[in-house]
Amino acid sequence: MRSDSVKTGTQQAPHRSLFNALGYTEEERKRPMIGIVSSYNEIVPGHMNLDKIVEAVKMGVAMAGGMPVVFPAIAVCDGIAMGHIGMKYSLVTRDLIADSTECMALAHGFDGLVMVPNCDKNVPGLLMAAARLNIPTIFCSGGPMLAGHVKGEKRSLSSMFEAVGSVAAGNMTMEELSEFEEKVCPTCGSCSGMYTANSMNCLTEVLGMGLKGNGTIPAVYSERIRLAKHAGMKIMELVEIGQNGGR
């Protein structure tokens, strides 16, 4: 296993002592070590549910005989960063995400990775990392936000931007704008609309880097938890195939 470089042999005795410090058992260390890249945070609506996705992935990896190990990736909310100096920092995070994930994966000898992203620069950044690393990797995103409803009509974040323009044009009152604010983003998940996050999550699925439903199952559906468990199980299958020379 790739992780033998940090777990097996006399020279790795100090490494094993550090794994002991982390609470891992000898039985766990004999299993393939799977890095779970968690983009969870409390500032991006598409990422506030990723802690639950990560726990489900961990369960899937463990059920399939792996040693799941979580480490983080940053993510910026383009919506919150928009319209001020924050937007100067969004695009560059794509490379920061790719670089830092590559550092973590190679420094610790992971046998495979499960990427848990969801938003605009986060998904492509982790895809870039996966391409550089060339080790077994699968993606399980956090899923899209459900649409909101205003006056019986389905609305999305796009409707919010349009509403701001309508107020500026004098075609909407501030009271009506407030109703849009309250209702167009009703759940966690990547912003409703075919923005970068949702298109990249769909593309990830098309590329074969994510399981069926990765780009379309809503964030709040229990089906996404099941998808995450299956992603954890699937990475173990991919690692085994890789260890057998692709057979």
C-alpha atoms as a PDB file:
ATOM      1  CA  MET A   1       0.000   0.000   0.000  1.00  0.00           C
ATOM      2  CA  ARG A   2       1.078   3.566  -0.600  1.00  0.00           C
ATOM      3  CA  SER A   3       0.487   4.261   3.084  1.00  0.00           C
ATOM      4  CA  ASP A   4       3.091   1.662   4.057  1.00  0.00           C
ATOM      5  CA  SER A   5       5.579   4.521   3.673  1.00  0.00           C
ATOM      6  CA  VAL A   6       4.197   6.004   6.900  1.00  0.00           C
ATOM      7  CA  LYS A   7       2.937   2.885   8.685  1.00  0.00           C
ATOM      8  CA  THR A   8       5.204  -0.119   8.044  1.00  0.00           C
ATOM      9  CA  GLY A   9       8.830  -0.966   8.857  1.00  0.00           C
ATOM     10  CA  THR A  10      11.395  -0.243  11.557  1.00  0.00           C
ATOM     11  CA  GLN A  11      12.074   3.270  10.289  1.00  0.00           C
ATOM     12  CA  GLN A  12       8.369   4.040  10.609  1.00  0.00           C
ATOM     13  CA  ALA A  13       8.244   3.353  14.376  1.00  0.00           C
ATOM     14  CA  PRO A  14       8.124   7.112  15.116  1.00  0.00           C
ATOM     15  CA  HIS A  15       5.306   7.464  12.585  1.00  0.00           C
ATOM     16  CA  ARG A  16       3.338   4.707  14.331  1.00  0.00           C
ATOM     17  CA  SER A  17       3.809   6.427  17.666  1.00  0.00           C
ATOM     18  CA  LEU A  18       2.190   9.522  16.172  1.00  0.00           C
ATOM     19  CA  PHE A  19      -0.713   7.441  14.844  1.00  0.00           C
ATOM     20  CA  ASN A  20      -1.063   6.124  18.400  1.00  0.00           C
ATOM     21  CA  ALA A  21      -1.234   9.719  19.586  1.00  0.00           C
ATOM     22  CA  LEU A  22      -4.093  10.226  17.124  1.00  0.00           C
ATOM     23  CA  GLY A  23      -5.961   7.283  18.665  1.00  0.00           C
ATOM     24  CA  TYR A  24      -5.650   4.895  15.718  1.00  0.00           C
ATOM     25  CA  THR A  25      -5.310   1.199  16.516  1.00  0.00           C
ATOM     26  CA  GLU A  26      -2.935  -1.358  15.044  1.00  0.00           C
ATOM     27  CA  GLU A  27      -5.926  -2.978  13.351  1.00  0.00           C
ATOM     28  CA  GLU A  28      -6.799   0.301  11.632  1.00  0.00           C
ATOM     29  CA  ARG A  29      -3.219   0.891  10.500  1.00  0.00           C
ATOM     30  CA  LYS A  30      -3.252  -2.387   8.591  1.00  0.00           C
ATOM     31  CA  ARG A  31      -6.065  -1.055   6.395  1.00  0.00           C
ATOM     32  CA  PRO A  32      -5.788   1.278   3.384  1.00  0.00           C
ATOM     33  CA  MET A  33      -5.663   4.864   4.625  1.00  0.00           C
ATOM     34  CA  ILE A  34      -8.297   7.012   2.929  1.00  0.00           C
ATOM     35  CA  GLY A  35      -8.115  10.786   3.127  1.00  0.00           C
ATOM     36  CA  ILE A  36     -11.497  12.514   3.266  1.00  0.00           C
ATOM     37  CA  VAL A  37     -11.113  16.112   2.153  1.00  0.00           C
ATOM     38  CA  SER A  38     -13.759  18.061   4.043  1.00  0.00           C
ATOM     39  CA  SER A  39     -14.754  21.513   2.799  1.00  0.00           C
ATOM     40  CA  TYR A  40     -17.119  22.008   5.743  1.00  0.00           C
ATOM     41  CA  ASN A  41     -17.408  25.527   7.129  1.00  0.00           C
ATOM     42  CA  GLU A  42     -20.024  27.863   8.580  1.00  0.00           C
ATOM     43  CA  ILE A  43     -19.794  30.732   6.064  1.00  0.00           C
ATOM     44  CA  VAL A  44     -20.804  28.979   2.814  1.00  0.00           C
ATOM     45  CA  PRO A  45     -24.444  27.773   2.531  1.00  0.00           C
ATOM     46  CA  GLY A  46     -23.306  24.965   0.248  1.00  0.00           C
ATOM     47  CA  HIS A  47     -20.864  23.737   2.873  1.00  0.00           C
ATOM     48  CA  MET A  48     -22.751  23.982   6.145  1.00  0.00           C
ATOM     49  CA  ASN A  49     -24.066  20.417   5.716  1.00  0.00           C
ATOM     50  CA  LEU A  50     -20.777  18.829   4.690  1.00  0.00           C
ATOM     51  CA  ASP A  51     -20.010  17.623   8.208  1.00  0.00           C
ATOM     52  CA  LYS A  52     -22.901  15.159   7.807  1.00  0.00           C
ATOM     53  CA  ILE A  53     -21.673  14.113   4.357  1.00  0.00           C
ATOM     54  CA  VAL A  54     -18.166  13.568   5.726  1.00  0.00           C
ATOM     55  CA  GLU A  55     -19.451  11.389   8.580  1.00  0.00           C
ATOM     56  CA  ALA A  56     -21.400   9.285   6.081  1.00  0.00           C
ATOM     57  CA  VAL A  57     -18.314   8.898   3.865  1.00  0.00           C
ATOM     58  CA  LYS A  58     -16.274   7.849   6.923  1.00  0.00           C
ATOM     59  CA  MET A  59     -18.872   5.216   7.707  1.00  0.00           C
ATOM     60  CA  GLY A  60     -18.776   3.899   4.146  1.00  0.00           C
ATOM     61  CA  VAL A  61     -14.978   3.687   4.160  1.00  0.00           C
ATOM     62  CA  ALA A  62     -14.943   1.886   7.515  1.00  0.00           C
ATOM     63  CA  MET A  63     -17.700  -0.520   6.455  1.00  0.00           C
ATOM     64  CA  ALA A  64     -15.620  -1.455   3.408  1.00  0.00           C
ATOM     65  CA  GLY A  65     -12.488  -2.086   5.480  1.00  0.00           C
ATOM     66  CA  GLY A  66     -10.637   1.216   5.207  1.00  0.00           C
ATOM     67  CA  MET A  67      -9.102   3.678   7.639  1.00  0.00           C
ATOM     68  CA  PRO A  68     -10.861   7.038   7.101  1.00  0.00           C
ATOM     69  CA  VAL A  69      -8.896  10.183   7.975  1.00  0.00           C
ATOM     70  CA  VAL A  70     -10.404  13.665   7.576  1.00  0.00           C
ATOM     71  CA  PHE A  71      -8.499  16.819   6.665  1.00  0.00           C
ATOM     72  CA  PRO A  72      -9.832  20.215   5.533  1.00  0.00           C
ATOM     73  CA  ALA A  73     -10.044  22.328   2.391  1.00  0.00           C
ATOM     74  CA  ILE A  74     -10.989  26.007   2.342  1.00  0.00           C
ATOM     75  CA  ALA A  75     -13.855  27.497   0.337  1.00  0.00           C
ATOM     76  CA  VAL A  76     -15.128  31.001  -0.399  1.00  0.00           C
ATOM     77  CA  CYS A  77     -18.808  31.818  -0.953  1.00  0.00           C
ATOM     78  CA  ASP A  78     -18.818  33.822  -4.194  1.00  0.00           C
ATOM     79  CA  GLY A  79     -22.228  35.250  -3.325  1.00  0.00           C
ATOM     80  CA  ILE A  80     -21.061  36.699  -0.005  1.00  0.00           C
ATOM     81  CA  ALA A  81     -17.710  37.759  -1.499  1.00  0.00           C
ATOM     82  CA  MET A  82     -19.441  39.571  -4.361  1.00  0.00           C
ATOM     83  CA  GLY A  83     -19.513  43.358  -4.710  1.00  0.00           C
ATOM     84  CA  HIS A  84     -16.566  44.216  -2.448  1.00  0.00           C
ATOM     85  CA  ILE A  85     -12.840  43.474  -2.075  1.00  0.00           C
ATOM     86  CA  GLY A  86     -13.671  39.865  -1.217  1.00  0.00           C
ATOM     87  CA  MET A  87     -14.170  39.001  -4.887  1.00  0.00           C
ATOM     88  CA  LYS A  88     -10.449  39.595  -5.466  1.00  0.00           C
ATOM     89  CA  TYR A  89      -9.795  36.544  -3.292  1.00  0.00           C
ATOM     90  CA  SER A  90     -12.220  34.030  -4.754  1.00  0.00           C
ATOM     91  CA  LEU A  91     -10.483  32.780  -7.891  1.00  0.00           C
ATOM     92  CA  VAL A  92      -7.077  32.412  -6.250  1.00  0.00           C
ATOM     93  CA  THR A  93      -8.523  29.955  -3.732  1.00  0.00           C
ATOM     94  CA  ARG A  94      -8.829  27.416  -6.539  1.00  0.00           C
ATOM     95  CA  ASP A  95      -5.044  27.076  -6.668  1.00  0.00           C
ATOM     96  CA  LEU A  96      -4.706  27.287  -2.891  1.00  0.00           C
ATOM     97  CA  ILE A  97      -7.152  24.392  -2.570  1.00  0.00           C
ATOM     98  CA  ALA A  98      -5.316  22.316  -5.181  1.00  0.00           C
ATOM     99  CA  ASP A  99      -1.888  23.064  -3.697  1.00  0.00           C
ATOM    100  CA  SER A 100      -2.844  22.424  -0.068  1.00  0.00           C
ATOM    101  CA  THR A 101      -4.668  19.182  -0.881  1.00  0.00           C
ATOM    102  CA  GLU A 102      -1.695  17.938  -2.883  1.00  0.00           C
ATOM    103  CA  CYS A 103       0.574  18.785   0.076  1.00  0.00           C
ATOM    104  CA  MET A 104      -1.602  16.936   2.571  1.00  0.00           C
ATOM    105  CA  ALA A 105      -2.097  13.856   0.395  1.00  0.00           C
ATOM    106  CA  LEU A 106       1.586  13.359  -0.464  1.00  0.00           C
ATOM    107  CA  ALA A 107       2.946  14.316   2.945  1.00  0.00           C
ATOM    108  CA  HIS A 108       0.871  11.658   4.681  1.00  0.00           C
ATOM    109  CA  GLY A 109       0.888   8.813   2.147  1.00  0.00           C
ATOM    110  CA  PHE A 110      -2.842   8.335   1.591  1.00  0.00           C
ATOM    111  CA  ASP A 111      -3.902   5.319  -0.461  1.00  0.00           C
ATOM    112  CA  GLY A 112      -7.004   7.063  -1.818  1.00  0.00           C
ATOM    113  CA  LEU A 113      -9.082  10.205  -1.406  1.00  0.00           C
ATOM    114  CA  VAL A 114     -12.739  11.147  -1.150  1.00  0.00           C
ATOM    115  CA  MET A 115     -13.278  14.807  -2.002  1.00  0.00           C
ATOM    116  CA  VAL A 116     -16.274  16.461  -0.312  1.00  0.00           C
ATOM    117  CA  PRO A 117     -16.696  19.867  -2.018  1.00  0.00           C
ATOM    118  CA  ASN A 118     -19.636  21.930  -3.191  1.00  0.00           C
ATOM    119  CA  CYS A 119     -18.981  25.474  -4.398  1.00  0.00           C
ATOM    120  CA  ASP A 120     -17.552  27.489  -7.250  1.00  0.00           C
ATOM    121  CA  LYS A 121     -13.758  27.336  -6.841  1.00  0.00           C
ATOM    122  CA  ASN A 122     -13.788  24.447  -4.388  1.00  0.00           C
ATOM    123  CA  VAL A 123     -14.910  21.766  -6.854  1.00  0.00           C
ATOM    124  CA  PRO A 124     -12.462  22.636  -9.666  1.00  0.00           C
ATOM    125  CA  GLY A 125      -9.669  23.141  -7.114  1.00  0.00           C
ATOM    126  CA  LEU A 126     -10.135  19.608  -5.816  1.00  0.00           C
ATOM    127  CA  LEU A 127     -10.423  18.239  -9.365  1.00  0.00           C
ATOM    128  CA  MET A 128      -7.073  19.874 -10.115  1.00  0.00           C
ATOM    129  CA  ALA A 129      -5.600  18.222  -7.025  1.00  0.00           C
ATOM    130  CA  ALA A 130      -6.970  14.834  -8.059  1.00  0.00           C
ATOM    131  CA  ALA A 131      -5.413  15.163 -11.519  1.00  0.00           C
ATOM    132  CA  ARG A 132      -2.028  16.091 -10.076  1.00  0.00           C
ATOM    133  CA  LEU A 133      -2.003  13.321  -7.484  1.00  0.00           C
ATOM    134  CA  ASN A 134      -3.126  10.495  -9.767  1.00  0.00           C
ATOM    135  CA  ILE A 135      -4.212   8.255  -6.896  1.00  0.00           C
ATOM    136  CA  PRO A 136      -7.664   6.649  -6.523  1.00  0.00           C
ATOM    137  CA  THR A 137     -10.130   9.483  -5.883  1.00  0.00           C
ATOM    138  CA  ILE A 138     -13.887   9.925  -5.840  1.00  0.00           C
ATOM    139  CA  PHE A 139     -16.046  13.004  -5.274  1.00  0.00           C
ATOM    140  CA  CYS A 140     -19.191  13.364  -3.191  1.00  0.00           C
ATOM    141  CA  SER A 141     -20.546  16.903  -3.232  1.00  0.00           C
ATOM    142  CA  GLY A 142     -22.919  18.456  -0.715  1.00  0.00           C
ATOM    143  CA  GLY A 143     -25.715  18.864  -3.255  1.00  0.00           C
ATOM    144  CA  PRO A 144     -27.800  21.782  -4.558  1.00  0.00           C
ATOM    145  CA  MET A 145     -30.095  24.071  -2.584  1.00  0.00           C
ATOM    146  CA  LEU A 146     -33.827  23.649  -3.047  1.00  0.00           C
ATOM    147  CA  ALA A 147     -35.626  26.446  -4.887  1.00  0.00           C
ATOM    148  CA  GLY A 148     -37.668  28.938  -2.904  1.00  0.00           C
ATOM    149  CA  HIS A 149     -41.219  30.123  -3.551  1.00  0.00           C
ATOM    150  CA  VAL A 150     -42.552  33.671  -3.590  1.00  0.00           C
ATOM    151  CA  LYS A 151     -46.259  34.285  -4.221  1.00  0.00           C
ATOM    152  CA  GLY A 152     -46.647  30.698  -5.412  1.00  0.00           C
ATOM    153  CA  GLU A 153     -43.839  30.894  -7.995  1.00  0.00           C
ATOM    154  CA  LYS A 154     -40.575  28.991  -7.838  1.00  0.00           C
ATOM    155  CA  ARG A 155     -37.630  31.313  -7.186  1.00  0.00           C
ATOM    156  CA  SER A 156     -33.848  30.991  -6.948  1.00  0.00           C
ATOM    157  CA  LEU A 157     -30.824  33.133  -6.117  1.00  0.00           C
ATOM    158  CA  SER A 158     -31.063  34.494  -9.671  1.00  0.00           C
ATOM    159  CA  SER A 159     -34.470  35.904  -8.710  1.00  0.00           C
ATOM    160  CA  MET A 160     -32.768  37.724  -5.837  1.00  0.00           C
ATOM    161  CA  PHE A 161     -30.381  39.534  -8.162  1.00  0.00           C
ATOM    162  CA  GLU A 162     -33.264  40.393 -10.478  1.00  0.00           C
ATOM    163  CA  ALA A 163     -35.257  41.728  -7.528  1.00  0.00           C
ATOM    164  CA  VAL A 164     -32.441  44.139  -6.648  1.00  0.00           C
ATOM    165  CA  GLY A 165     -32.574  45.449 -10.210  1.00  0.00           C
ATOM    166  CA  SER A 166     -36.346  45.770 -10.011  1.00  0.00           C
ATOM    167  CA  VAL A 167     -36.072  47.911  -6.878  1.00  0.00           C
ATOM    168  CA  ALA A 168     -33.506  50.139  -8.592  1.00  0.00           C
ATOM    169  CA  ALA A 169     -35.856  50.511 -11.568  1.00  0.00           C
ATOM    170  CA  GLY A 170     -38.760  51.373  -9.297  1.00  0.00           C
ATOM    171  CA  ASN A 171     -40.714  48.237 -10.200  1.00  0.00           C
ATOM    172  CA  MET A 172     -40.536  46.602  -6.768  1.00  0.00           C
ATOM    173  CA  THR A 173     -40.966  47.899  -3.227  1.00  0.00           C
ATOM    174  CA  MET A 174     -38.531  47.350  -0.377  1.00  0.00           C
ATOM    175  CA  GLU A 175     -41.192  45.245   1.351  1.00  0.00           C
ATOM    176  CA  GLU A 176     -41.368  42.946  -1.669  1.00  0.00           C
ATOM    177  CA  LEU A 177     -37.561  42.773  -1.751  1.00  0.00           C
ATOM    178  CA  SER A 178     -37.576  41.716   1.896  1.00  0.00           C
ATOM    179  CA  GLU A 179     -39.958  38.873   1.080  1.00  0.00           C
ATOM    180  CA  PHE A 180     -37.528  37.647  -1.599  1.00  0.00           C
ATOM    181  CA  GLU A 181     -34.665  37.831   0.905  1.00  0.00           C
ATOM    182  CA  GLU A 182     -36.592  35.612   3.301  1.00  0.00           C
ATOM    183  CA  LYS A 183     -37.725  32.992   0.792  1.00  0.00           C
ATOM    184  CA  VAL A 184     -35.428  32.502  -2.218  1.00  0.00           C
ATOM    185  CA  CYS A 185     -32.676  30.556  -0.366  1.00  0.00           C
ATOM    186  CA  PRO A 186     -34.696  28.201   1.861  1.00  0.00           C
ATOM    187  CA  THR A 187     -32.153  25.430   2.508  1.00  0.00           C
ATOM    188  CA  CYS A 188     -28.458  24.680   2.679  1.00  0.00           C
ATOM    189  CA  GLY A 189     -26.746  23.585  -0.533  1.00  0.00           C
ATOM    190  CA  SER A 190     -24.977  25.070  -3.532  1.00  0.00           C
ATOM    191  CA  CYS A 191     -26.924  28.115  -4.760  1.00  0.00           C
ATOM    192  CA  SER A 192     -30.006  27.192  -6.770  1.00  0.00           C
ATOM    193  CA  GLY A 193     -29.285  28.052 -10.400  1.00  0.00           C
ATOM    194  CA  MET A 194     -26.891  26.765 -13.034  1.00  0.00           C
ATOM    195  CA  TYR A 195     -23.899  28.563 -11.582  1.00  0.00           C
ATOM    196  CA  THR A 196     -20.365  27.180 -11.395  1.00  0.00           C
ATOM    197  CA  ALA A 197     -20.985  24.986  -8.345  1.00  0.00           C
ATOM    198  CA  ASN A 198     -23.897  23.026  -9.785  1.00  0.00           C
ATOM    199  CA  SER A 199     -22.442  22.832 -13.289  1.00  0.00           C
ATOM    200  CA  MET A 200     -19.097  21.588 -11.921  1.00  0.00           C
ATOM    201  CA  ASN A 201     -20.818  19.020  -9.704  1.00  0.00           C
ATOM    202  CA  CYS A 202     -22.716  17.732 -12.739  1.00  0.00           C
ATOM    203  CA  LEU A 203     -19.500  17.741 -14.794  1.00  0.00           C
ATOM    204  CA  THR A 204     -17.723  15.780 -12.063  1.00  0.00           C
ATOM    205  CA  GLU A 205     -20.395  13.112 -12.365  1.00  0.00           C
ATOM    206  CA  VAL A 206     -20.137  13.078 -16.179  1.00  0.00           C
ATOM    207  CA  LEU A 207     -16.355  12.682 -15.946  1.00  0.00           C
ATOM    208  CA  GLY A 208     -16.873   9.581 -13.821  1.00  0.00           C
ATOM    209  CA  MET A 209     -15.311  11.193 -10.751  1.00  0.00           C
ATOM    210  CA  GLY A 210     -18.583  11.055  -8.807  1.00  0.00           C
ATOM    211  CA  LEU A 211     -21.375   8.515  -8.459  1.00  0.00           C
ATOM    212  CA  LYS A 212     -24.753   8.889 -10.175  1.00  0.00           C
ATOM    213  CA  GLY A 213     -26.699  11.691  -8.509  1.00  0.00           C
ATOM    214  CA  ASN A 214     -23.623  13.582  -7.323  1.00  0.00           C
ATOM    215  CA  GLY A 215     -24.686  16.717  -9.190  1.00  0.00           C
ATOM    216  CA  THR A 216     -28.446  16.560  -8.761  1.00  0.00           C
ATOM    217  CA  ILE A 217     -29.593  15.064  -5.435  1.00  0.00           C
ATOM    218  CA  PRO A 218     -30.658  18.055  -3.265  1.00  0.00           C
ATOM    219  CA  ALA A 219     -28.535  18.823  -0.229  1.00  0.00           C
ATOM    220  CA  VAL A 220     -31.370  18.208   2.222  1.00  0.00           C
ATOM    221  CA  TYR A 221     -32.405  14.784   0.880  1.00  0.00           C
ATOM    222  CA  SER A 222     -31.466  11.704   2.873  1.00  0.00           C
ATOM    223  CA  GLU A 223     -30.571  10.121  -0.457  1.00  0.00           C
ATOM    224  CA  ARG A 224     -27.407  12.236  -0.401  1.00  0.00           C
ATOM    225  CA  ILE A 225     -26.332  10.663   2.895  1.00  0.00           C
ATOM    226  CA  ARG A 226     -26.742   7.263   1.281  1.00  0.00           C
ATOM    227  CA  LEU A 227     -24.751   8.482  -1.736  1.00  0.00           C
ATOM    228  CA  ALA A 228     -21.942   9.531   0.602  1.00  0.00           C
ATOM    229  CA  LYS A 229     -21.830   6.090   2.218  1.00  0.00           C
ATOM    230  CA  HIS A 230     -21.643   4.491  -1.217  1.00  0.00           C
ATOM    231  CA  ALA A 231     -18.831   6.873  -2.197  1.00  0.00           C
ATOM    232  CA  GLY A 232     -16.901   5.731   0.875  1.00  0.00           C
ATOM    233  CA  MET A 233     -17.402   2.106  -0.118  1.00  0.00           C
ATOM    234  CA  LYS A 234     -16.533   2.777  -3.762  1.00  0.00           C
ATOM    235  CA  ILE A 235     -13.144   4.350  -2.968  1.00  0.00           C
ATOM    236  CA  MET A 236     -12.138   1.092  -1.289  1.00  0.00           C
ATOM    237  CA  GLU A 237     -13.012  -0.765  -4.467  1.00  0.00           C
ATOM    238  CA  LEU A 238     -10.941   1.694  -6.511  1.00  0.00           C
ATOM    239  CA  VAL A 239      -7.958   1.348  -4.174  1.00  0.00           C
ATOM    240  CA  GLU A 240      -8.116  -2.443  -4.460  1.00  0.00           C
ATOM    241  CA  ILE A 241      -8.242  -2.221  -8.259  1.00  0.00           C
ATOM    242  CA  GLY A 242      -5.240   0.106  -8.181  1.00  0.00           C
ATOM    243  CA  GLN A 243      -3.262  -2.250  -5.955  1.00  0.00           C
ATOM    244  CA  ASN A 244      -3.982  -5.109  -8.365  1.00  0.00           C
ATOM    245  CA  GLY A 245      -2.577  -3.176 -11.308  1.00  0.00           C
ATOM    246  CA  GLY A 246      -5.958  -2.125 -12.675  1.00  0.00           C
ATOM    247  CA  ARG A 247      -7.323  -5.669 -12.911  1.00  0.00           C
END
